[in-house]
Amino acid sequence: MLPLILLTLVLLWQFVLLGYTFTLAGNAADEAVRAATAADPGAREGACEAAGLEKLPDAWGGTVSCGTGGGYVTADVTLRVPVLFPGSIGFPFEVEGHAGAVEEETG
């Protein structure tokens, strides 16, 4: 019975890590877009990427890509789901977070 209980706990923990990764990706994308809309037009992409990476723990190192155009700012965050321990190997699939907002006018 003990192996079955341990296997169940490991699976539950892995699902917690999966959910937390989705939460991190969404939050990092939201924060990246918020920082970009408040920045000067020439510095929006840099502010976006910096804010997105700042909100990610080191164990969930991912990529943040930002785009601006047509009065709209978007951010895409891509993370890998860790296997059992954050900072270790990851599953071969990625979790994505996406956010967008209208650029703030200055002046």
C-alpha atoms as a PDB file:
ATOM      1  CA  MET A   1       0.000   0.000   0.000  1.00  0.00           C
ATOM      2  CA  LEU A   2       2.878   2.380   0.771  1.00  0.00           C
ATOM      3  CA  PRO A   3       4.172   2.480  -2.857  1.00  0.00           C
ATOM      4  CA  LEU A   4       0.697   3.397  -4.077  1.00  0.00           C
ATOM      5  CA  ILE A   5       0.440   6.217  -1.539  1.00  0.00           C
ATOM      6  CA  LEU A   6       3.896   7.527  -2.489  1.00  0.00           C
ATOM      7  CA  LEU A   7       3.060   7.387  -6.197  1.00  0.00           C
ATOM      8  CA  THR A   8      -0.151   9.319  -5.549  1.00  0.00           C
ATOM      9  CA  LEU A   9       1.727  11.988  -3.598  1.00  0.00           C
ATOM     10  CA  VAL A  10       4.350  12.330  -6.350  1.00  0.00           C
ATOM     11  CA  LEU A  11       1.635  12.731  -8.989  1.00  0.00           C
ATOM     12  CA  LEU A  12      -0.200  15.307  -6.897  1.00  0.00           C
ATOM     13  CA  TRP A  13       3.027  17.250  -6.383  1.00  0.00           C
ATOM     14  CA  GLN A  14       3.687  17.200 -10.130  1.00  0.00           C
ATOM     15  CA  PHE A  15       0.217  18.614 -10.806  1.00  0.00           C
ATOM     16  CA  VAL A  16       0.905  21.376  -8.266  1.00  0.00           C
ATOM     17  CA  LEU A  17       4.098  22.249 -10.158  1.00  0.00           C
ATOM     18  CA  LEU A  18       2.178  22.289 -13.439  1.00  0.00           C
ATOM     19  CA  GLY A  19      -0.449  24.652 -12.043  1.00  0.00           C
ATOM     20  CA  TYR A  20       2.153  26.890 -10.446  1.00  0.00           C
ATOM     21  CA  THR A  21       4.021  27.117 -13.758  1.00  0.00           C
ATOM     22  CA  PHE A  22       0.831  28.271 -15.505  1.00  0.00           C
ATOM     23  CA  THR A  23       0.324  30.863 -12.759  1.00  0.00           C
ATOM     24  CA  LEU A  24       3.911  32.110 -13.057  1.00  0.00           C
ATOM     25  CA  ALA A  25       3.691  32.422 -16.843  1.00  0.00           C
ATOM     26  CA  GLY A  26       0.450  34.395 -16.703  1.00  0.00           C
ATOM     27  CA  ASN A  27       1.645  36.696 -13.933  1.00  0.00           C
ATOM     28  CA  ALA A  28       4.981  37.379 -15.641  1.00  0.00           C
ATOM     29  CA  ALA A  29       3.188  38.246 -18.897  1.00  0.00           C
ATOM     30  CA  ASP A  30       0.801  40.595 -17.058  1.00  0.00           C
ATOM     31  CA  GLU A  31       3.632  42.358 -15.239  1.00  0.00           C
ATOM     32  CA  ALA A  32       5.692  42.652 -18.418  1.00  0.00           C
ATOM     33  CA  VAL A  33       2.836  44.337 -20.289  1.00  0.00           C
ATOM     34  CA  ARG A  34       2.099  46.646 -17.370  1.00  0.00           C
ATOM     35  CA  ALA A  35       5.739  47.784 -17.267  1.00  0.00           C
ATOM     36  CA  ALA A  36       5.814  48.293 -21.038  1.00  0.00           C
ATOM     37  CA  THR A  37       2.696  50.450 -21.140  1.00  0.00           C
ATOM     38  CA  ALA A  38       4.124  52.746 -18.472  1.00  0.00           C
ATOM     39  CA  ALA A  39       7.531  53.115 -20.190  1.00  0.00           C
ATOM     40  CA  ASP A  40       8.530  55.640 -22.844  1.00  0.00           C
ATOM     41  CA  PRO A  41       7.732  54.478 -26.407  1.00  0.00           C
ATOM     42  CA  GLY A  42      11.374  53.809 -27.293  1.00  0.00           C
ATOM     43  CA  ALA A  43      12.043  51.764 -24.178  1.00  0.00           C
ATOM     44  CA  ARG A  44       8.878  49.642 -24.104  1.00  0.00           C
ATOM     45  CA  GLU A  45      10.311  46.361 -25.353  1.00  0.00           C
ATOM     46  CA  GLY A  46      13.293  46.479 -22.994  1.00  0.00           C
ATOM     47  CA  ALA A  47      11.117  47.372 -20.000  1.00  0.00           C
ATOM     48  CA  CYS A  48       8.699  44.617 -20.956  1.00  0.00           C
ATOM     49  CA  GLU A  49      11.324  41.879 -21.118  1.00  0.00           C
ATOM     50  CA  ALA A  50      13.089  43.034 -17.947  1.00  0.00           C
ATOM     51  CA  ALA A  51       9.865  43.130 -15.921  1.00  0.00           C
ATOM     52  CA  GLY A  52       8.765  39.727 -17.194  1.00  0.00           C
ATOM     53  CA  LEU A  53      12.053  38.054 -16.292  1.00  0.00           C
ATOM     54  CA  GLU A  54      12.160  39.817 -12.924  1.00  0.00           C
ATOM     55  CA  LYS A  55       8.882  38.152 -11.902  1.00  0.00           C
ATOM     56  CA  LEU A  56      10.151  34.634 -12.635  1.00  0.00           C
ATOM     57  CA  PRO A  57      11.996  32.633  -9.971  1.00  0.00           C
ATOM     58  CA  ASP A  58      15.446  31.443 -11.025  1.00  0.00           C
ATOM     59  CA  ALA A  59      14.297  27.812 -11.073  1.00  0.00           C
ATOM     60  CA  TRP A  60      11.707  28.655 -13.742  1.00  0.00           C
ATOM     61  CA  GLY A  61      14.017  30.442 -16.137  1.00  0.00           C
ATOM     62  CA  GLY A  62      12.067  31.074 -19.293  1.00  0.00           C
ATOM     63  CA  THR A  63      11.800  33.394 -22.218  1.00  0.00           C
ATOM     64  CA  VAL A  64       9.866  36.630 -22.505  1.00  0.00           C
ATOM     65  CA  SER A  65       9.104  38.127 -25.889  1.00  0.00           C
ATOM     66  CA  CYS A  66       7.365  41.445 -26.288  1.00  0.00           C
ATOM     67  CA  GLY A  67       5.869  43.256 -29.201  1.00  0.00           C
ATOM     68  CA  THR A  68       4.448  46.694 -29.802  1.00  0.00           C
ATOM     69  CA  GLY A  69       2.467  48.059 -32.673  1.00  0.00           C
ATOM     70  CA  GLY A  70      -0.791  49.718 -33.526  1.00  0.00           C
ATOM     71  CA  GLY A  71      -1.084  51.196 -30.054  1.00  0.00           C
ATOM     72  CA  TYR A  72      -0.995  47.760 -28.449  1.00  0.00           C
ATOM     73  CA  VAL A  73       1.663  45.982 -26.346  1.00  0.00           C
ATOM     74  CA  THR A  74       1.820  42.192 -26.062  1.00  0.00           C
ATOM     75  CA  ALA A  75       3.976  39.845 -24.023  1.00  0.00           C
ATOM     76  CA  ASP A  76       4.476  36.111 -24.373  1.00  0.00           C
ATOM     77  CA  VAL A  77       6.174  34.121 -21.621  1.00  0.00           C
ATOM     78  CA  THR A  78       7.319  30.548 -22.205  1.00  0.00           C
ATOM     79  CA  LEU A  79       8.296  28.253 -19.329  1.00  0.00           C
ATOM     80  CA  ARG A  80       9.168  24.583 -18.985  1.00  0.00           C
ATOM     81  CA  VAL A  81       7.438  22.510 -16.310  1.00  0.00           C
ATOM     82  CA  PRO A  82      10.034  21.030 -13.920  1.00  0.00           C
ATOM     83  CA  VAL A  83      10.046  17.338 -13.083  1.00  0.00           C
ATOM     84  CA  LEU A  84       9.521  16.998  -9.306  1.00  0.00           C
ATOM     85  CA  PHE A  85      12.001  19.710  -8.277  1.00  0.00           C
ATOM     86  CA  PRO A  86      12.147  23.286  -9.610  1.00  0.00           C
ATOM     87  CA  GLY A  87      15.490  23.948 -11.220  1.00  0.00           C
ATOM     88  CA  SER A  88      15.908  20.339 -12.329  1.00  0.00           C
ATOM     89  CA  ILE A  89      15.108  18.829 -15.699  1.00  0.00           C
ATOM     90  CA  GLY A  90      11.893  19.835 -17.368  1.00  0.00           C
ATOM     91  CA  PHE A  91       9.197  18.054 -19.322  1.00  0.00           C
ATOM     92  CA  PRO A  92       9.480  18.260 -23.126  1.00  0.00           C
ATOM     93  CA  PHE A  93       6.467  20.567 -23.357  1.00  0.00           C
ATOM     94  CA  GLU A  94       6.207  24.250 -22.533  1.00  0.00           C
ATOM     95  CA  VAL A  95       3.653  26.406 -20.769  1.00  0.00           C
ATOM     96  CA  GLU A  96       2.825  29.767 -22.302  1.00  0.00           C
ATOM     97  CA  GLY A  97       1.404  32.936 -20.810  1.00  0.00           C
ATOM     98  CA  HIS A  98       0.103  35.755 -22.976  1.00  0.00           C
ATOM     99  CA  ALA A  99      -1.018  39.276 -22.103  1.00  0.00           C
ATOM    100  CA  GLY A 100      -1.783  42.478 -23.973  1.00  0.00           C
ATOM    101  CA  ALA A 101      -2.729  46.053 -23.200  1.00  0.00           C
ATOM    102  CA  VAL A 102      -3.262  49.364 -24.921  1.00  0.00           C
ATOM    103  CA  GLU A 103      -0.274  51.716 -24.844  1.00  0.00           C
ATOM    104  CA  GLU A 104      -0.621  54.686 -22.505  1.00  0.00           C
ATOM    105  CA  GLU A 105      -0.431  58.096 -24.063  1.00  0.00           C
ATOM    106  CA  THR A 106       2.210  60.494 -22.802  1.00  0.00           C
ATOM    107  CA  GLY A 107       1.817  64.196 -22.645  1.00  0.00           C
END
